[in-house]
Amino acid sequence: MTIDTYKTFCKQTLINSGSMSSCISQKFIKENNLNMIRLSFPIICYNADGTTNKNSSVTEVIRMNMIIGDHQELI
C-alpha cells in the first residue's frame, strides 16, 4: 500500500527532452524519504544508441502529482 505524504517540492527540470517517461534520481528519493512502489516486472532502460543500460532497469516507481504553471498531471 502506498501512502501519500503530501510533500511539496519546487525543482527546476528539463522539459521536452524527448524522454518517453519521467525519472527521478535515487538520491532525491532517499533524501526526501519518498514512498516507492515495486513493479511486478522490471522496465529495461535503453541508451540513446539503442543498447541496454548497464547500470540498472526500473524496478520501482513513485506516484506523484506534477504541476507546471497552470498544468497539473498525475504521473
PDB file of N, CA and C in Angstrom:
ATOM      1  N   MET A   1       0.847  -1.183   0.000  1.00  0.00           N
ATOM      2  CA  MET A   1       0.000   0.000   0.000  1.00  0.00           C
ATOM      3  C   MET A   1       0.888   1.241   0.000  1.00  0.00           C
ATOM      4  N   THR A   2       0.521   2.218  -0.797  1.00  0.00           N
ATOM      5  CA  THR A   2       1.264   3.466  -0.884  1.00  0.00           C
ATOM      6  C   THR A   2       0.529   4.555  -0.114  1.00  0.00           C
ATOM      7  N   ILE A   3       1.271   5.298   0.666  1.00  0.00           N
ATOM      8  CA  ILE A   3       0.688   6.377   1.455  1.00  0.00           C
ATOM      9  C   ILE A   3       1.169   7.701   0.882  1.00  0.00           C
ATOM     10  N   ASP A   4       0.231   8.587   0.579  1.00  0.00           N
ATOM     11  CA  ASP A   4       0.585   9.916   0.063  1.00  0.00           C
ATOM     12  C   ASP A   4       1.070  10.768   1.220  1.00  0.00           C
ATOM     13  N   THR A   5       2.271  11.295   1.096  1.00  0.00           N
ATOM     14  CA  THR A   5       2.841  12.117   2.171  1.00  0.00           C
ATOM     15  C   THR A   5       2.517  13.591   1.989  1.00  0.00           C
ATOM     16  N   TYR A   6       1.951  13.959   0.835  1.00  0.00           N
ATOM     17  CA  TYR A   6       1.584  15.349   0.532  1.00  0.00           C
ATOM     18  C   TYR A   6       2.772  16.295   0.640  1.00  0.00           C
ATOM     19  N   LYS A   7       3.971  15.795   0.372  1.00  0.00           N
ATOM     20  CA  LYS A   7       5.154  16.647   0.361  1.00  0.00           C
ATOM     21  C   LYS A   7       5.153  17.499  -0.899  1.00  0.00           C
ATOM     22  N   THR A   8       5.679  18.698  -0.799  1.00  0.00           N
ATOM     23  CA  THR A   8       5.771  19.599  -1.935  1.00  0.00           C
ATOM     24  C   THR A   8       7.236  19.914  -2.195  1.00  0.00           C
ATOM     25  N   PHE A   9       7.641  19.847  -3.473  1.00  0.00           N
ATOM     26  CA  PHE A   9       8.998  20.149  -3.866  1.00  0.00           C
ATOM     27  C   PHE A   9       8.953  21.156  -5.002  1.00  0.00           C
ATOM     28  N   CYS A  10       9.816  22.124  -4.968  1.00  0.00           N
ATOM     29  CA  CYS A  10       9.938  23.091  -6.049  1.00  0.00           C
ATOM     30  C   CYS A  10      11.313  22.853  -6.669  1.00  0.00           C
ATOM     31  N   LYS A  11      11.344  22.301  -7.878  1.00  0.00           N
ATOM     32  CA  LYS A  11      12.608  21.941  -8.528  1.00  0.00           C
ATOM     33  C   LYS A  11      12.611  22.419  -9.967  1.00  0.00           C
ATOM     34  N   GLN A  12      13.786  22.745 -10.466  1.00  0.00           N
ATOM     35  CA  GLN A  12      13.944  23.034 -11.880  1.00  0.00           C
ATOM     36  C   GLN A  12      14.145  21.709 -12.595  1.00  0.00           C
ATOM     37  N   THR A  13      13.614  21.608 -13.806  1.00  0.00           N
ATOM     38  CA  THR A  13      13.731  20.360 -14.540  1.00  0.00           C
ATOM     39  C   THR A  13      13.835  20.629 -16.028  1.00  0.00           C
ATOM     40  N   LEU A  14      14.298  19.661 -16.759  1.00  0.00           N
ATOM     41  CA  LEU A  14      14.391  19.747 -18.211  1.00  0.00           C
ATOM     42  C   LEU A  14      13.041  19.353 -18.804  1.00  0.00           C
ATOM     43  N   ILE A  15      12.479  20.208 -19.632  1.00  0.00           N
ATOM     44  CA  ILE A  15      11.172  19.956 -20.244  1.00  0.00           C
ATOM     45  C   ILE A  15      11.363  19.632 -21.726  1.00  0.00           C
ATOM     46  N   ASN A  16      10.523  18.728 -22.244  1.00  0.00           N
ATOM     47  CA  ASN A  16      10.531  18.341 -23.654  1.00  0.00           C
ATOM     48  C   ASN A  16      11.898  17.814 -24.075  1.00  0.00           C
ATOM     49  N   SER A  17      12.438  16.899 -23.298  1.00  0.00           N
ATOM     50  CA  SER A  17      13.754  16.337 -23.571  1.00  0.00           C
ATOM     51  C   SER A  17      13.698  15.194 -24.575  1.00  0.00           C
ATOM     52  N   GLY A  18      12.496  14.777 -24.952  1.00  0.00           N
ATOM     53  CA  GLY A  18      12.352  13.630 -25.840  1.00  0.00           C
ATOM     54  C   GLY A  18      12.282  12.328 -25.079  1.00  0.00           C
ATOM     55  N   SER A  19      12.398  12.384 -23.774  1.00  0.00           N
ATOM     56  CA  SER A  19      12.294  11.189 -22.954  1.00  0.00           C
ATOM     57  C   SER A  19      10.883  10.629 -23.040  1.00  0.00           C
ATOM     58  N   MET A  20      10.775   9.309 -22.988  1.00  0.00           N
ATOM     59  CA  MET A  20       9.464   8.678 -23.077  1.00  0.00           C
ATOM     60  C   MET A  20       8.828   8.511 -21.704  1.00  0.00           C
ATOM     61  N   SER A  21       9.530   8.913 -20.647  1.00  0.00           N
ATOM     62  CA  SER A  21       8.981   8.862 -19.301  1.00  0.00           C
ATOM     63  C   SER A  21       9.742   9.847 -18.424  1.00  0.00           C
ATOM     64  N   SER A  22       9.253  10.054 -17.223  1.00  0.00           N
ATOM     65  CA  SER A  22       9.904  10.956 -16.280  1.00  0.00           C
ATOM     66  C   SER A  22      10.707  10.139 -15.279  1.00  0.00           C
ATOM     67  N   CYS A  23      11.870  10.635 -14.924  1.00  0.00           N
ATOM     68  CA  CYS A  23      12.741   9.924 -13.992  1.00  0.00           C
ATOM     69  C   CYS A  23      13.168  10.840 -12.860  1.00  0.00           C
ATOM     70  N   ILE A  24      13.348  10.255 -11.697  1.00  0.00           N
ATOM     71  CA  ILE A  24      13.825  10.965 -10.514  1.00  0.00           C
ATOM     72  C   ILE A  24      15.029  10.192  -9.996  1.00  0.00           C
ATOM     73  N   SER A  25      16.059  10.888  -9.576  1.00  0.00           N
ATOM     74  CA  SER A  25      17.263  10.208  -9.097  1.00  0.00           C
ATOM     75  C   SER A  25      16.998   9.486  -7.775  1.00  0.00           C
ATOM     76  N   GLN A  26      17.709   8.378  -7.594  1.00  0.00           N
ATOM     77  CA  GLN A  26      17.599   7.628  -6.340  1.00  0.00           C
ATOM     78  C   GLN A  26      18.043   8.475  -5.158  1.00  0.00           C
ATOM     79  N   LYS A  27      19.008   9.358  -5.375  1.00  0.00           N
ATOM     80  CA  LYS A  27      19.481  10.245  -4.309  1.00  0.00           C
ATOM     81  C   LYS A  27      18.337  11.140  -3.823  1.00  0.00           C
ATOM     82  N   PHE A  28      17.574  11.735  -4.767  1.00  0.00           N
ATOM     83  CA  PHE A  28      16.446  12.596  -4.409  1.00  0.00           C
ATOM     84  C   PHE A  28      15.388  11.808  -3.638  1.00  0.00           C
ATOM     85  N   ILE A  29      15.124  10.588  -4.066  1.00  0.00           N
ATOM     86  CA  ILE A  29      14.134   9.733  -3.400  1.00  0.00           C
ATOM     87  C   ILE A  29      14.552   9.460  -1.955  1.00  0.00           C
ATOM     88  N   LYS A  30      15.804   9.096  -1.764  1.00  0.00           N
ATOM     89  CA  LYS A  30      16.299   8.782  -0.421  1.00  0.00           C
ATOM     90  C   LYS A  30      16.333  10.017   0.467  1.00  0.00           C
ATOM     91  N   GLU A  31      16.831  11.140  -0.067  1.00  0.00           N
ATOM     92  CA  GLU A  31      16.923  12.373   0.728  1.00  0.00           C
ATOM     93  C   GLU A  31      15.555  12.859   1.203  1.00  0.00           C
ATOM     94  N   ASN A  32      14.515  12.602   0.419  1.00  0.00           N
ATOM     95  CA  ASN A  32      13.176  13.103   0.740  1.00  0.00           C
ATOM     96  C   ASN A  32      12.235  12.024   1.245  1.00  0.00           C
ATOM     97  N   ASN A  33      12.778  10.829   1.484  1.00  0.00           N
ATOM     98  CA  ASN A  33      12.015   9.723   2.072  1.00  0.00           C
ATOM     99  C   ASN A  33      10.686   9.501   1.336  1.00  0.00           C
ATOM    100  N   LEU A  34      10.755   9.376   0.005  1.00  0.00           N
ATOM    101  CA  LEU A  34       9.557   9.179  -0.799  1.00  0.00           C
ATOM    102  C   LEU A  34       9.167   7.704  -0.846  1.00  0.00           C
ATOM    103  N   ASN A  35       7.875   7.438  -0.910  1.00  0.00           N
ATOM    104  CA  ASN A  35       7.357   6.069  -0.960  1.00  0.00           C
ATOM    105  C   ASN A  35       7.436   5.528  -2.380  1.00  0.00           C
ATOM    106  N   MET A  36       8.094   4.379  -2.526  1.00  0.00           N
ATOM    107  CA  MET A  36       8.221   3.759  -3.838  1.00  0.00           C
ATOM    108  C   MET A  36       7.293   2.549  -3.934  1.00  0.00           C
ATOM    109  N   ILE A  37       6.868   2.253  -5.159  1.00  0.00           N
ATOM    110  CA  ILE A  37       6.014   1.103  -5.432  1.00  0.00           C
ATOM    111  C   ILE A  37       6.820   0.140  -6.294  1.00  0.00           C
ATOM    112  N   ARG A  38       6.987  -1.100  -5.846  1.00  0.00           N
ATOM    113  CA  ARG A  38       7.754  -2.095  -6.602  1.00  0.00           C
ATOM    114  C   ARG A  38       6.921  -2.577  -7.786  1.00  0.00           C
ATOM    115  N   LEU A  39       7.551  -2.595  -8.945  1.00  0.00           N
ATOM    116  CA  LEU A  39       6.894  -3.091 -10.154  1.00  0.00           C
ATOM    117  C   LEU A  39       6.894  -4.617 -10.154  1.00  0.00           C
ATOM    118  N   SER A  40       5.896  -5.225 -10.768  1.00  0.00           N
ATOM    119  CA  SER A  40       5.859  -6.684 -10.841  1.00  0.00           C
ATOM    120  C   SER A  40       6.885  -7.227 -11.835  1.00  0.00           C
ATOM    121  N   PHE A  41       7.351  -6.386 -12.749  1.00  0.00           N
ATOM    122  CA  PHE A  41       8.422  -6.773 -13.657  1.00  0.00           C
ATOM    123  C   PHE A  41       9.247  -5.527 -13.972  1.00  0.00           C
ATOM    124  N   PRO A  42      10.560  -5.675 -14.143  1.00  0.00           N
ATOM    125  CA  PRO A  42      11.411  -4.510 -14.393  1.00  0.00           C
ATOM    126  C   PRO A  42      11.193  -3.927 -15.785  1.00  0.00           C
ATOM    127  N   ILE A  43      11.439  -2.627 -15.920  1.00  0.00           N
ATOM    128  CA  ILE A  43      11.407  -1.951 -17.212  1.00  0.00           C
ATOM    129  C   ILE A  43      12.860  -1.772 -17.646  1.00  0.00           C
ATOM    130  N   ILE A  44      13.222  -2.363 -18.767  1.00  0.00           N
ATOM    131  CA  ILE A  44      14.594  -2.284 -19.255  1.00  0.00           C
ATOM    132  C   ILE A  44      14.853  -0.874 -19.777  1.00  0.00           C
ATOM    133  N   CYS A  45      15.984  -0.300 -19.379  1.00  0.00           N
ATOM    134  CA  CYS A  45      16.364   1.051 -19.813  1.00  0.00           C
ATOM    135  C   CYS A  45      17.309   0.949 -21.008  1.00  0.00           C
ATOM    136  N   TYR A  46      17.035   1.761 -22.031  1.00  0.00           N
ATOM    137  CA  TYR A  46      17.867   1.789 -23.238  1.00  0.00           C
ATOM    138  C   TYR A  46      18.587   3.124 -23.341  1.00  0.00           C
ATOM    139  N   ASN A  47      19.807   3.077 -23.820  1.00  0.00           N
ATOM    140  CA  ASN A  47      20.594   4.277 -24.077  1.00  0.00           C
ATOM    141  C   ASN A  47      20.195   4.865 -25.427  1.00  0.00           C
ATOM    142  N   ALA A  48      20.671   6.075 -25.713  1.00  0.00           N
ATOM    143  CA  ALA A  48      20.349   6.756 -26.969  1.00  0.00           C
ATOM    144  C   ALA A  48      20.779   5.941 -28.191  1.00  0.00           C
ATOM    145  N   ASP A  49      21.818   5.118 -28.054  1.00  0.00           N
ATOM    146  CA  ASP A  49      22.291   4.317 -29.190  1.00  0.00           C
ATOM    147  C   ASP A  49      21.567   2.978 -29.323  1.00  0.00           C
ATOM    148  N   GLY A  50      20.548   2.746 -28.468  1.00  0.00           N
ATOM    149  CA  GLY A  50      19.755   1.526 -28.560  1.00  0.00           C
ATOM    150  C   GLY A  50      20.257   0.374 -27.712  1.00  0.00           C
ATOM    151  N   THR A  51      21.431   0.521 -27.083  1.00  0.00           N
ATOM    152  CA  THR A  51      21.944  -0.540 -26.214  1.00  0.00           C
ATOM    153  C   THR A  51      21.237  -0.463 -24.864  1.00  0.00           C
ATOM    154  N   THR A  52      21.218  -1.595 -24.151  1.00  0.00           N
ATOM    155  CA  THR A  52      20.601  -1.585 -22.826  1.00  0.00           C
ATOM    156  C   THR A  52      21.541  -0.916 -21.838  1.00  0.00           C
ATOM    157  N   ASN A  53      20.966  -0.211 -20.868  1.00  0.00           N
ATOM    158  CA  ASN A  53      21.744   0.483 -19.856  1.00  0.00           C
ATOM    159  C   ASN A  53      22.346  -0.547 -18.907  1.00  0.00           C
ATOM    160  N   LYS A  54      23.655  -0.496 -18.707  1.00  0.00           N
ATOM    161  CA  LYS A  54      24.335  -1.498 -17.878  1.00  0.00           C
ATOM    162  C   LYS A  54      24.132  -1.271 -16.382  1.00  0.00           C
ATOM    163  N   ASN A  55      23.715  -0.062 -15.982  1.00  0.00           N
ATOM    164  CA  ASN A  55      23.592   0.229 -14.553  1.00  0.00           C
ATOM    165  C   ASN A  55      22.376  -0.434 -13.915  1.00  0.00           C
ATOM    166  N   SER A  56      21.219  -0.349 -14.566  1.00  0.00           N
ATOM    167  CA  SER A  56      20.038  -0.981 -13.965  1.00  0.00           C
ATOM    168  C   SER A  56      18.813  -0.823 -14.842  1.00  0.00           C
ATOM    169  N   SER A  57      17.770  -1.503 -14.439  1.00  0.00           N
ATOM    170  CA  SER A  57      16.441  -1.350 -15.012  1.00  0.00           C
ATOM    171  C   SER A  57      15.585  -0.646 -13.974  1.00  0.00           C
ATOM    172  N   VAL A  58      14.426  -0.157 -14.394  1.00  0.00           N
ATOM    173  CA  VAL A  58      13.499   0.467 -13.455  1.00  0.00           C
ATOM    174  C   VAL A  58      12.739  -0.646 -12.742  1.00  0.00           C
ATOM    175  N   THR A  59      12.854  -0.699 -11.427  1.00  0.00           N
ATOM    176  CA  THR A  59      12.182  -1.742 -10.643  1.00  0.00           C
ATOM    177  C   THR A  59      11.133  -1.169  -9.695  1.00  0.00           C
ATOM    178  N   GLU A  60      11.157   0.155  -9.487  1.00  0.00           N
ATOM    179  CA  GLU A  60      10.207   0.813  -8.589  1.00  0.00           C
ATOM    180  C   GLU A  60       9.773   2.137  -9.197  1.00  0.00           C
ATOM    181  N   VAL A  61       8.584   2.582  -8.835  1.00  0.00           N
ATOM    182  CA  VAL A  61       8.062   3.856  -9.321  1.00  0.00           C
ATOM    183  C   VAL A  61       7.505   4.659  -8.148  1.00  0.00           C
ATOM    184  N   ILE A  62       7.268   5.932  -8.408  1.00  0.00           N
ATOM    185  CA  ILE A  62       6.640   6.827  -7.435  1.00  0.00           C
ATOM    186  C   ILE A  62       5.449   7.473  -8.122  1.00  0.00           C
ATOM    187  N   ARG A  63       4.310   7.469  -7.482  1.00  0.00           N
ATOM    188  CA  ARG A  63       3.141   8.183  -7.993  1.00  0.00           C
ATOM    189  C   ARG A  63       3.201   9.594  -7.442  1.00  0.00           C
ATOM    190  N   MET A  64       3.078  10.584  -8.306  1.00  0.00           N
ATOM    191  CA  MET A  64       3.123  11.963  -7.841  1.00  0.00           C
ATOM    192  C   MET A  64       2.260  12.853  -8.715  1.00  0.00           C
ATOM    193  N   ASN A  65       1.852  13.941  -8.159  1.00  0.00           N
ATOM    194  CA  ASN A  65       1.086  14.948  -8.865  1.00  0.00           C
ATOM    195  C   ASN A  65       2.064  16.043  -9.267  1.00  0.00           C
ATOM    196  N   MET A  66       2.244  16.244 -10.579  1.00  0.00           N
ATOM    197  CA  MET A  66       3.191  17.240 -11.056  1.00  0.00           C
ATOM    198  C   MET A  66       2.426  18.465 -11.560  1.00  0.00           C
ATOM    199  N   ILE A  67       2.837  19.636 -11.098  1.00  0.00           N
ATOM    200  CA  ILE A  67       2.226  20.878 -11.521  1.00  0.00           C
ATOM    201  C   ILE A  67       3.282  21.748 -12.190  1.00  0.00           C
ATOM    202  N   ILE A  68       3.014  22.137 -13.451  1.00  0.00           N
ATOM    203  CA  ILE A  68       3.900  23.025 -14.198  1.00  0.00           C
ATOM    204  C   ILE A  68       3.043  24.194 -14.656  1.00  0.00           C
ATOM    205  N   GLY A  69       3.251  25.354 -14.048  1.00  0.00           N
ATOM    206  CA  GLY A  69       2.408  26.518 -14.347  1.00  0.00           C
ATOM    207  C   GLY A  69       0.972  26.206 -13.976  1.00  0.00           C
ATOM    208  N   ASP A  70       0.068  26.313 -14.929  1.00  0.00           N
ATOM    209  CA  ASP A  70      -1.353  26.018 -14.683  1.00  0.00           C
ATOM    210  C   ASP A  70      -1.716  24.572 -15.033  1.00  0.00           C
ATOM    211  N   HIS A  71      -0.738  23.801 -15.509  1.00  0.00           N
ATOM    212  CA  HIS A  71      -0.993  22.412 -15.923  1.00  0.00           C
ATOM    213  C   HIS A  71      -0.706  21.465 -14.770  1.00  0.00           C
ATOM    214  N   GLN A  72      -1.603  20.521 -14.539  1.00  0.00           N
ATOM    215  CA  GLN A  72      -1.443  19.550 -13.457  1.00  0.00           C
ATOM    216  C   GLN A  72      -1.650  18.165 -14.017  1.00  0.00           C
ATOM    217  N   GLU A  73      -0.771  17.216 -13.642  1.00  0.00           N
ATOM    218  CA  GLU A  73      -0.871  15.859 -14.152  1.00  0.00           C
ATOM    219  C   GLU A  73      -0.395  14.867 -13.104  1.00  0.00           C
ATOM    220  N   LEU A  74      -1.103  13.755 -12.976  1.00  0.00           N
ATOM    221  CA  LEU A  74      -0.694  12.680 -12.087  1.00  0.00           C
ATOM    222  C   LEU A  74       0.213  11.761 -12.875  1.00  0.00           C
ATOM    223  N   ILE A  75       1.447  11.569 -12.393  1.00  0.00           N
ATOM    224  CA  ILE A  75       2.379  10.673 -13.090  1.00  0.00           C
ATOM    225  C   ILE A  75       2.800   9.555 -12.161  1.00  0.00           C
TER     226      ILE A  75
END
